[in-house]
Amino acid sequence: MAEHEQHDADEHHGSTGLYLAVFFALCGLTTLSFLTYFDFWRSHVPTEVSRVFMMAVSCTKAMLVIMFFMHLKWEANWKWVLTVPASFMSALLIFTLVPDVGLRMRHASYDRMKYAAEVPATVDHQEEKHPAGKHEQPAAVRPAA
């Protein structure tokens, strides 16, 4: 009887082998993420493709952790009632606000540049403060006489 109960518990919440498989999958995905930082990857893969790849790897890792280590795979169907509307709302907010924020940042940068003080690129401020090579220390830093 105890063997049957143990088998039901393993089937319901997964076995050690399943958790080890998920662990090794997470290790493999983390290795793939790590490889994108090397010069070989950066020289052969465009930046946009690399970003999409990293997002896919990150989402897959999050899904594995949520499903298996947080036991949502074995929860009742009510989880969909909670997560699907929240996911739709999150996507809606992202798709609505990102273009607006980008547009506002572009205008904010223009306004900042429009009213910013102009500084000539050829002026060396150090020479301007100390003409003819004289470098006096301020009174607060001079040694006592």
Protein backbone atom coordinates (compact mmCIF):
# COMPACT_ATOMS: atom_id res chain seq x y z
CA MET A 1 0.00 0.00 0.00
CA ALA A 2 2.84 2.41 0.81
CA GLU A 3 4.43 1.78 -2.61
CA HIS A 4 1.16 2.69 -4.34
CA GLU A 5 0.85 5.93 -2.33
CA GLN A 6 4.48 6.82 -3.11
CA HIS A 7 3.86 6.20 -6.83
CA ASP A 8 0.79 8.47 -6.80
CA ALA A 9 2.72 11.22 -5.01
CA ASP A 10 5.60 10.99 -7.51
CA GLU A 11 3.21 11.01 -10.44
CA HIS A 12 1.29 13.95 -9.04
CA HIS A 13 4.28 16.17 -8.18
CA GLY A 14 7.02 14.74 -10.37
CA SER A 15 9.90 12.48 -9.56
CA THR A 16 13.52 13.13 -8.74
CA GLY A 17 14.44 12.27 -12.32
CA LEU A 18 12.07 14.92 -13.64
CA TYR A 19 13.53 17.57 -11.34
CA LEU A 20 17.06 16.60 -12.37
CA ALA A 21 16.08 16.83 -16.05
CA VAL A 22 14.66 20.31 -15.48
CA PHE A 23 17.79 21.28 -13.53
CA PHE A 24 20.08 20.15 -16.38
CA ALA A 25 17.86 21.93 -18.91
CA LEU A 26 18.22 25.13 -16.86
CA CYS A 27 22.00 24.61 -16.74
CA GLY A 28 22.10 24.15 -20.52
CA LEU A 29 20.02 27.24 -21.15
CA THR A 30 22.21 29.25 -18.78
CA THR A 31 25.27 28.05 -20.71
CA LEU A 32 23.67 29.22 -23.96
CA SER A 33 23.04 32.63 -22.37
CA PHE A 34 26.64 32.80 -21.21
CA LEU A 35 28.00 32.01 -24.68
CA THR A 36 26.35 35.11 -26.13
CA TYR A 37 28.87 37.30 -24.25
CA PHE A 38 31.88 36.02 -26.19
CA ASP A 39 33.38 37.86 -29.16
CA PHE A 40 32.81 34.84 -31.42
CA TRP A 41 29.04 35.13 -30.89
CA ARG A 42 29.00 38.91 -31.26
CA SER A 43 30.99 38.83 -34.49
CA HIS A 44 28.75 36.21 -36.16
CA VAL A 45 25.26 37.01 -34.85
CA PRO A 46 23.48 40.36 -35.33
CA THR A 47 22.54 42.25 -32.16
CA GLU A 48 18.79 42.02 -32.84
CA VAL A 49 18.94 38.24 -33.25
CA SER A 50 21.03 37.96 -30.09
CA ARG A 51 18.47 39.95 -28.09
CA VAL A 52 15.57 37.85 -29.36
CA PHE A 53 17.52 34.70 -28.55
CA MET A 54 18.26 35.92 -25.01
CA MET A 55 14.60 36.79 -24.43
CA ALA A 56 13.54 33.34 -25.65
CA VAL A 57 16.07 31.65 -23.37
CA SER A 58 15.02 33.80 -20.40
CA CYS A 59 11.32 33.12 -20.95
CA THR A 60 11.97 29.39 -21.30
CA LYS A 61 13.96 29.32 -18.07
CA ALA A 62 11.23 31.26 -16.25
CA MET A 63 8.58 28.88 -17.59
CA LEU A 64 10.52 25.82 -16.40
CA VAL A 65 11.01 27.26 -12.92
CA ILE A 66 7.38 28.32 -12.61
CA MET A 67 5.96 25.05 -13.92
CA PHE A 68 8.13 22.57 -12.05
CA PHE A 69 9.78 24.19 -9.03
CA MET A 70 6.73 26.27 -8.14
CA HIS A 71 4.47 23.26 -8.88
CA LEU A 72 2.09 25.15 -11.17
CA LYS A 73 2.13 22.25 -13.61
CA TRP A 74 0.12 20.23 -11.11
CA GLU A 75 -2.26 22.97 -9.98
CA ALA A 76 -5.94 22.96 -10.84
CA ASN A 77 -7.28 24.79 -13.89
CA TRP A 78 -8.14 27.89 -11.85
CA LYS A 79 -4.57 29.08 -12.44
CA TRP A 80 -5.60 30.06 -15.98
CA VAL A 81 -8.37 32.27 -14.65
CA LEU A 82 -5.76 34.24 -12.72
CA THR A 83 -2.82 34.29 -15.12
CA VAL A 84 -4.36 34.79 -18.57
CA PRO A 85 -6.15 38.09 -17.81
CA ALA A 86 -3.08 39.40 -15.98
CA SER A 87 -0.88 38.45 -18.94
CA PHE A 88 -3.21 40.20 -21.39
CA MET A 89 -3.22 43.32 -19.22
CA SER A 90 0.58 43.30 -18.97
CA ALA A 91 1.00 42.93 -22.73
CA LEU A 92 -1.57 45.66 -23.35
CA LEU A 93 0.24 48.05 -21.01
CA ILE A 94 3.62 47.30 -22.59
CA PHE A 95 2.39 47.74 -26.17
CA THR A 96 0.55 50.92 -25.20
CA LEU A 97 3.18 52.64 -23.08
CA VAL A 98 6.46 51.75 -24.79
CA PRO A 99 5.82 53.84 -27.94
CA ASP A 100 4.62 56.75 -25.80
CA VAL A 101 7.70 56.65 -23.58
CA GLY A 102 9.96 56.44 -26.64
CA LEU A 103 8.24 59.41 -28.24
CA ARG A 104 8.50 61.48 -25.08
CA MET A 105 12.18 60.62 -24.63
CA ARG A 106 12.93 61.83 -28.16
CA HIS A 107 11.18 65.16 -27.49
CA ALA A 108 12.74 65.54 -24.07
CA SER A 109 16.20 65.10 -25.55
CA TYR A 110 15.46 67.72 -28.23
CA ASP A 111 14.17 70.20 -25.63
CA ARG A 112 17.21 69.64 -23.44
CA MET A 113 19.56 70.27 -26.33
CA LYS A 114 17.54 73.31 -27.45
CA TYR A 115 17.95 75.11 -24.11
CA ALA A 116 21.36 73.77 -23.09
CA ALA A 117 24.33 76.12 -22.89
CA GLU A 118 26.80 75.88 -25.73
CA VAL A 119 30.37 74.97 -24.80
CA PRO A 120 33.04 75.32 -27.50
CA ALA A 121 34.82 72.04 -28.07
CA THR A 122 38.27 73.67 -28.39
CA VAL A 123 38.39 75.39 -25.00
CA ASP A 124 40.56 73.71 -22.39
CA HIS A 125 39.06 74.67 -19.04
CA GLN A 126 42.26 73.87 -17.12
CA GLU A 127 44.28 76.42 -19.12
CA GLU A 128 41.50 78.97 -18.76
CA LYS A 129 41.71 78.81 -14.94
CA HIS A 130 45.52 78.83 -14.82
CA PRO A 131 46.92 81.08 -17.56
CA ALA A 132 50.60 80.97 -18.52
CA GLY A 133 51.22 77.72 -16.71
CA LYS A 134 50.87 79.19 -13.20
CA HIS A 135 49.23 76.63 -10.98
CA GLU A 136 48.39 78.20 -7.65
CA GLN A 137 46.68 76.20 -5.00
CA PRO A 138 43.45 77.60 -3.57
CA ALA A 139 43.76 79.24 -0.15
CA ALA A 140 42.04 76.35 1.59
CA VAL A 141 44.66 73.88 0.30
CA ARG A 142 47.86 75.99 0.74
CA PRO A 143 50.16 74.84 3.49
CA ALA A 144 50.34 77.12 6.54
CA ALA A 145 53.36 79.50 6.49
